Amino acid sequence: MFDLEVNDKSANINSSLEVLEHREALRTSNALEILSNYDIVVDAIDNAPSRYMINDCCIVSGKLTVYNYKGGPCYRCLFPTPPPTTACQRCSDSGVLGDIYCLYTGVIGCLQVKIRGKCLQCEACGENSEFSRQYFKDFDYEKFTQSPMSTSAPVKLNLLGNDSRITTKDYNKRLSEVSSAMEQARTRKADVEGERPNLYVICRSGNDS
């Protein structure tokens, strides 16, 4: 886990939040103990072995997660066989798409879950499943998915300082200023030297954006 001042940034969004940091990698050896302290588990993982592991951990411990809601299908019901490693890359490799795309895929995913339904032969939650807590601890998810849970070395981030960043509120304000200035320039009959409006050019860079 890399430190991005999670507590401070979360408090700026919602001051009533209490963030408890777990400074260890989530593995089968500690997942049951860690997740047992929470009622709802949000799956925001970008790799297949961790996603299967979280799903199975919630099944055997009776926790509510993205899947397996009120007897609905779990992740293994939808994907009993892991996808090819080339079809399931990490955000650091394939990049991150915008919020609108994520919204659409979330809606489509909900519809898929509703249409697919629970698999009675599912290895984790099926009628004759023998997926116990001990079986979970001994299960090799990296071998099952043929992909690692984490990269060999943590990604070193080179973040901009606070004085070089812009908040969404300031960004929206700047856009309003640009729109207003451009409108003034279009309606002005004569361009007087020294009275040209200030324009902001917002550039986008980054290979993984």
Protein backbone atom coordinates (compact mmCIF):
# COMPACT_ATOMS: atom_id res chain seq x y z
CA MET A 1 0.00 0.00 0.00
CA PHE A 2 1.39 3.43 -0.91
CA ASP A 3 0.59 6.45 1.22
CA LEU A 4 -1.58 9.02 -0.55
CA GLU A 5 -2.83 10.78 2.57
CA VAL A 6 -6.01 8.71 2.46
CA ASN A 7 -7.34 9.97 5.77
CA ASP A 8 -6.97 13.65 4.88
CA LYS A 9 -8.46 13.34 1.42
CA SER A 10 -11.36 11.19 2.64
CA ALA A 11 -12.10 13.70 5.41
CA ASN A 12 -12.30 16.49 2.82
CA ILE A 13 -15.02 14.54 1.03
CA ASN A 14 -16.89 13.34 4.11
CA SER A 15 -15.78 14.47 7.56
CA SER A 16 -17.76 11.69 9.25
CA LEU A 17 -15.69 8.93 7.64
CA GLU A 18 -13.30 6.88 9.71
CA VAL A 19 -10.56 5.24 7.68
CA LEU A 20 -8.80 2.19 9.09
CA GLU A 21 -5.65 1.34 7.18
CA HIS A 22 -4.45 -2.24 6.79
CA ARG A 23 -0.78 -1.99 5.93
CA GLU A 24 -0.49 -5.50 4.57
CA ALA A 25 -1.38 -7.29 1.37
CA LEU A 26 -4.70 -9.12 1.36
CA ARG A 27 -4.02 -12.84 1.05
CA THR A 28 -5.81 -16.08 1.89
CA SER A 29 -3.82 -16.21 5.13
CA ASN A 30 -5.36 -12.99 6.49
CA ALA A 31 -8.44 -12.24 4.35
CA LEU A 32 -10.93 -14.04 6.60
CA GLU A 33 -9.68 -12.23 9.68
CA ILE A 34 -9.58 -8.78 8.07
CA LEU A 35 -12.93 -8.93 6.26
CA SER A 36 -14.69 -10.37 9.31
CA ASN A 37 -14.62 -6.85 10.82
CA TYR A 38 -16.82 -5.38 8.07
CA ASP A 39 -20.44 -5.85 6.97
CA ILE A 40 -20.05 -4.83 3.31
CA VAL A 41 -17.02 -5.49 1.12
CA VAL A 42 -16.55 -3.32 -1.97
CA ASP A 43 -14.59 -5.02 -4.74
CA ALA A 44 -12.45 -2.37 -6.46
CA ILE A 45 -9.67 -4.72 -7.58
CA ASP A 46 -8.08 -4.65 -11.02
CA ASN A 47 -6.65 -8.19 -11.09
CA ALA A 48 -8.34 -11.58 -11.46
CA PRO A 49 -6.79 -13.59 -8.60
CA SER A 50 -7.67 -10.98 -5.98
CA ARG A 51 -11.21 -10.69 -7.32
CA TYR A 52 -11.80 -14.44 -7.09
CA MET A 53 -10.24 -14.46 -3.63
CA ILE A 54 -12.45 -11.65 -2.30
CA ASN A 55 -15.53 -13.30 -3.78
CA ASP A 56 -14.76 -16.68 -2.22
CA CYS A 57 -13.82 -15.12 1.12
CA CYS A 58 -17.16 -13.33 1.31
CA ILE A 59 -19.00 -16.54 0.38
CA VAL A 60 -17.45 -18.67 3.13
CA SER A 61 -17.72 -15.88 5.73
CA GLY A 62 -21.24 -14.75 4.81
CA LYS A 63 -20.28 -11.17 3.93
CA LEU A 64 -22.16 -8.92 1.53
CA THR A 65 -20.11 -7.94 -1.50
CA VAL A 66 -20.70 -6.86 -5.09
CA TYR A 67 -21.98 -10.34 -5.90
CA ASN A 68 -23.95 -13.03 -4.04
CA TYR A 69 -26.67 -10.59 -2.94
CA LYS A 70 -29.78 -12.30 -1.51
CA GLY A 71 -28.99 -15.63 -3.10
CA GLY A 72 -27.94 -14.10 -6.41
CA PRO A 73 -24.94 -15.22 -8.45
CA CYS A 74 -21.43 -14.82 -7.13
CA TYR A 75 -18.41 -13.97 -9.26
CA ARG A 76 -17.65 -17.65 -9.88
CA CYS A 77 -21.22 -18.17 -11.09
CA LEU A 78 -20.58 -15.62 -13.82
CA PHE A 79 -16.98 -16.61 -14.53
CA PRO A 80 -16.31 -20.20 -13.43
CA THR A 81 -13.19 -20.23 -15.62
CA PRO A 82 -10.69 -17.37 -15.34
CA PRO A 83 -10.28 -15.21 -18.43
CA PRO A 84 -7.00 -15.31 -20.40
CA THR A 85 -4.28 -13.21 -18.82
CA THR A 86 -4.13 -11.05 -21.96
CA ALA A 87 -7.82 -10.16 -21.59
CA CYS A 88 -7.59 -9.04 -17.98
CA GLN A 89 -4.83 -6.49 -17.54
CA ARG A 90 -4.25 -4.07 -14.69
CA CYS A 91 -5.07 -0.37 -14.70
CA SER A 92 -1.35 0.45 -14.68
CA ASP A 93 -0.96 -1.52 -17.94
CA SER A 94 -4.16 -0.72 -19.82
CA GLY A 95 -5.01 2.67 -18.35
CA VAL A 96 -8.23 3.90 -16.74
CA LEU A 97 -11.26 4.97 -18.75
CA GLY A 98 -13.62 7.77 -17.80
CA ASP A 99 -16.46 7.80 -15.29
CA ILE A 100 -19.19 7.59 -17.91
CA TYR A 101 -17.73 4.36 -19.31
CA CYS A 102 -17.54 2.93 -15.78
CA LEU A 103 -21.17 3.90 -15.21
CA TYR A 104 -22.29 2.11 -18.38
CA THR A 105 -20.31 -1.02 -17.60
CA GLY A 106 -21.72 -1.03 -14.06
CA VAL A 107 -25.29 -0.90 -15.36
CA ILE A 108 -24.58 -3.61 -17.93
CA GLY A 109 -22.93 -5.73 -15.25
CA CYS A 110 -26.03 -5.46 -13.04
CA LEU A 111 -28.21 -6.54 -15.96
CA GLN A 112 -25.91 -9.49 -16.64
CA VAL A 113 -26.15 -10.60 -13.03
CA LYS A 114 -29.94 -10.30 -13.11
CA ILE A 115 -30.24 -12.27 -16.34
CA ARG A 116 -27.64 -14.92 -15.55
CA GLY A 117 -28.86 -15.98 -12.12
CA LYS A 118 -27.20 -18.22 -9.57
CA CYS A 119 -25.32 -21.30 -10.80
CA LEU A 120 -26.35 -24.39 -8.84
CA GLN A 121 -23.09 -26.11 -9.81
CA CYS A 122 -20.90 -23.20 -8.68
CA GLU A 123 -17.79 -24.36 -6.87
CA ALA A 124 -18.10 -21.61 -4.25
CA CYS A 125 -21.84 -21.14 -3.64
CA GLY A 126 -23.51 -24.06 -5.43
CA GLU A 127 -25.87 -26.54 -3.77
CA ASN A 128 -23.17 -29.18 -3.27
CA SER A 129 -20.27 -26.81 -2.73
CA GLU A 130 -17.50 -28.01 -0.43
CA PHE A 131 -15.76 -24.65 -0.38
CA SER A 132 -14.88 -24.37 3.31
CA ARG A 133 -12.78 -21.84 5.19
CA GLN A 134 -9.83 -24.20 5.23
CA TYR A 135 -10.23 -24.92 1.51
CA PHE A 136 -10.17 -21.17 0.94
CA LYS A 137 -6.95 -20.75 2.91
CA ASP A 138 -5.24 -23.52 0.91
CA PHE A 139 -6.51 -22.38 -2.50
CA ASP A 140 -3.83 -21.03 -4.87
CA TYR A 141 -5.48 -18.15 -6.72
CA GLU A 142 -2.37 -17.18 -8.65
CA LYS A 143 -2.12 -20.69 -10.07
CA PHE A 144 -5.85 -20.79 -10.73
CA THR A 145 -5.80 -17.58 -12.78
CA GLN A 146 -2.24 -17.88 -14.10
CA SER A 147 -1.52 -14.30 -13.03
CA PRO A 148 0.07 -12.67 -9.96
CA MET A 149 -1.90 -10.84 -7.29
CA SER A 150 0.60 -8.01 -7.25
CA THR A 151 3.50 -6.77 -9.31
CA SER A 152 7.00 -7.73 -8.24
CA ALA A 153 7.76 -4.17 -7.17
CA PRO A 154 5.43 -1.34 -6.17
CA VAL A 155 4.91 1.37 -8.72
CA LYS A 156 6.78 4.51 -7.76
CA LEU A 157 4.51 7.47 -8.27
CA ASN A 158 5.82 10.93 -9.05
CA LEU A 159 2.92 13.08 -7.88
CA LEU A 160 2.62 16.80 -8.43
CA GLY A 161 2.82 19.04 -5.40
CA ASN A 162 -0.30 20.68 -4.03
CA ASP A 163 0.74 24.03 -5.50
CA SER A 164 0.72 22.45 -8.99
CA ARG A 165 -2.70 20.80 -8.69
CA ILE A 166 -6.17 22.14 -9.30
CA THR A 167 -9.37 21.11 -7.58
CA THR A 168 -12.57 20.29 -9.45
CA LYS A 169 -14.18 23.46 -8.06
CA ASP A 170 -11.32 25.64 -9.34
CA TYR A 171 -11.34 23.77 -12.64
CA ASN A 172 -15.04 24.48 -13.10
CA LYS A 173 -14.45 28.13 -12.21
CA ARG A 174 -11.64 28.41 -14.77
CA LEU A 175 -13.84 26.88 -17.47
CA SER A 176 -16.55 29.42 -16.70
CA GLU A 177 -13.98 32.21 -16.98
CA VAL A 178 -12.76 30.89 -20.32
CA SER A 179 -16.30 30.62 -21.70
CA SER A 180 -17.12 34.13 -20.52
CA ALA A 181 -13.89 35.58 -21.94
CA MET A 182 -14.39 33.91 -25.31
CA GLU A 183 -17.95 35.18 -25.48
CA GLN A 184 -16.73 38.70 -24.75
CA ALA A 185 -14.10 38.39 -27.47
CA ARG A 186 -16.71 37.29 -30.01
CA THR A 187 -19.11 40.10 -29.20
CA ARG A 188 -16.50 42.84 -28.97
CA LYS A 189 -16.58 44.97 -32.10
CA ALA A 190 -12.97 46.11 -31.95
CA ASP A 191 -9.95 44.36 -30.55
CA VAL A 192 -8.20 46.98 -28.44
CA GLU A 193 -4.53 46.24 -27.70
CA GLY A 194 -4.01 45.46 -24.02
CA GLU A 195 -7.64 44.47 -23.38
CA ARG A 196 -7.48 40.94 -24.64
CA PRO A 197 -9.03 38.46 -22.22
CA ASN A 198 -6.84 35.97 -20.37
CA LEU A 199 -7.22 32.44 -21.69
CA TYR A 200 -6.29 29.25 -19.85
CA VAL A 201 -4.99 26.28 -21.81
CA ILE A 202 -5.59 22.99 -20.02
CA CYS A 203 -3.33 20.24 -21.33
CA ARG A 204 -3.77 16.52 -20.80
CA SER A 205 -0.80 14.19 -20.57
CA GLY A 206 -0.02 10.68 -19.36
CA ASN A 207 0.25 7.39 -21.16
CA ASP A 208 -2.12 5.60 -18.79
CA SER A 209 -4.90 8.20 -18.73
